[in-house]
Amino acid sequence: MGTVNSAVYGFVSGVAITTNDNQDVPGGQLRGFVVAVAGDVKCTMPDDSIVTWPALAAGVIHPIQAKRIWQNGTTATGIVGGR
């Protein structure tokens, strides 16, 4: 298939997220994510601000760029990130 232009096709790779209060997501910043079970997601944003996004719906692509998904403060589960 060759090179995929992520600006046109959205995500070009995905990663199952293990929440972690001390380390950024391996492999670099996410362009967005999906949660399997609805809840809050606490993220470190690209500008290093920390935001808790409340009541994110399950099964929806949330276009939230994040470099860390925190364990403490995240109640959503089954998080899969896209790049």
Protein backbone atom coordinates (compact mmCIF):
# COMPACT_ATOMS: atom_id res chain seq x y z
CA MET A 1 0.00 0.00 0.00
CA GLY A 2 2.96 2.33 0.52
CA THR A 3 3.05 5.42 2.68
CA VAL A 4 -0.23 6.54 4.22
CA ASN A 5 -0.91 10.25 4.65
CA SER A 6 -2.31 10.55 8.18
CA ALA A 7 -3.66 14.04 7.41
CA VAL A 8 -6.05 12.40 4.93
CA TYR A 9 -6.72 9.01 6.54
CA GLY A 10 -6.64 9.78 10.27
CA PHE A 11 -4.69 7.28 12.34
CA VAL A 12 -1.92 5.22 10.77
CA SER A 13 -1.18 3.12 13.86
CA GLY A 14 -2.79 2.19 17.15
CA VAL A 15 -1.66 1.17 20.61
CA ALA A 16 -3.38 -0.33 23.65
CA ILE A 17 -2.86 2.12 26.50
CA THR A 18 -1.66 1.14 29.95
CA THR A 19 -2.37 4.10 32.23
CA ASN A 20 0.73 5.38 34.01
CA ASP A 21 1.28 8.35 36.33
CA ASN A 22 5.05 8.43 35.73
CA GLN A 23 5.70 7.71 32.05
CA ASP A 24 4.47 9.05 28.74
CA VAL A 25 2.79 6.72 26.23
CA PRO A 26 5.51 4.58 24.61
CA GLY A 27 6.17 5.52 21.01
CA GLY A 28 5.13 9.14 21.28
CA GLN A 29 2.13 11.41 21.42
CA LEU A 30 -1.36 10.22 20.54
CA ARG A 31 -3.57 12.03 18.03
CA GLY A 32 -6.69 10.69 19.74
CA PHE A 33 -8.14 7.67 21.51
CA VAL A 34 -11.18 5.48 22.11
CA VAL A 35 -12.41 4.11 25.44
CA ALA A 36 -14.28 0.79 25.72
CA VAL A 37 -15.94 1.70 29.03
CA ALA A 38 -17.05 5.31 29.53
CA GLY A 39 -15.49 7.48 32.19
CA ASP A 40 -13.00 10.25 32.94
CA VAL A 41 -9.55 10.36 31.29
CA LYS A 42 -6.73 12.37 32.82
CA CYS A 43 -4.12 13.36 30.21
CA THR A 44 -0.90 15.27 29.88
CA MET A 45 -1.37 17.40 26.79
CA PRO A 46 1.36 18.27 24.23
CA ASP A 47 1.94 21.64 26.00
CA ASP A 48 2.48 19.76 29.33
CA SER A 49 -0.82 20.95 30.82
CA ILE A 50 -2.76 18.26 32.69
CA VAL A 51 -6.48 17.96 31.95
CA THR A 52 -9.13 15.55 33.16
CA TRP A 53 -11.72 15.05 30.43
CA PRO A 54 -14.98 14.09 32.19
CA ALA A 55 -17.48 11.45 31.17
CA LEU A 56 -16.00 10.42 27.81
CA ALA A 57 -18.38 8.17 25.89
CA ALA A 58 -17.44 4.61 25.00
CA GLY A 59 -16.88 3.64 21.38
CA VAL A 60 -16.27 7.18 20.16
CA ILE A 61 -13.00 8.48 18.68
CA HIS A 62 -12.00 11.37 20.93
CA PRO A 63 -9.68 13.70 18.97
CA ILE A 64 -7.66 14.61 22.05
CA GLN A 65 -3.90 14.78 21.60
CA ALA A 66 -2.10 13.39 24.63
CA LYS A 67 1.36 12.24 25.56
CA ARG A 68 0.44 10.61 28.90
CA ILE A 69 -2.74 8.93 30.16
CA TRP A 70 -2.71 8.95 33.94
CA GLN A 71 -3.80 6.02 36.12
CA ASN A 72 -4.80 8.26 39.04
CA GLY A 73 -7.80 10.26 37.85
CA THR A 74 -8.75 7.99 34.92
CA THR A 75 -11.90 5.92 35.38
CA ALA A 76 -12.47 4.95 31.73
CA THR A 77 -11.02 1.58 30.73
CA GLY A 78 -10.09 -0.25 27.55
CA ILE A 79 -8.26 2.77 26.13
CA VAL A 80 -6.78 2.45 22.62
CA GLY A 81 -4.76 5.31 21.20
CA GLY A 82 -4.20 6.30 17.60
CA ARG A 83 -1.30 8.01 15.90
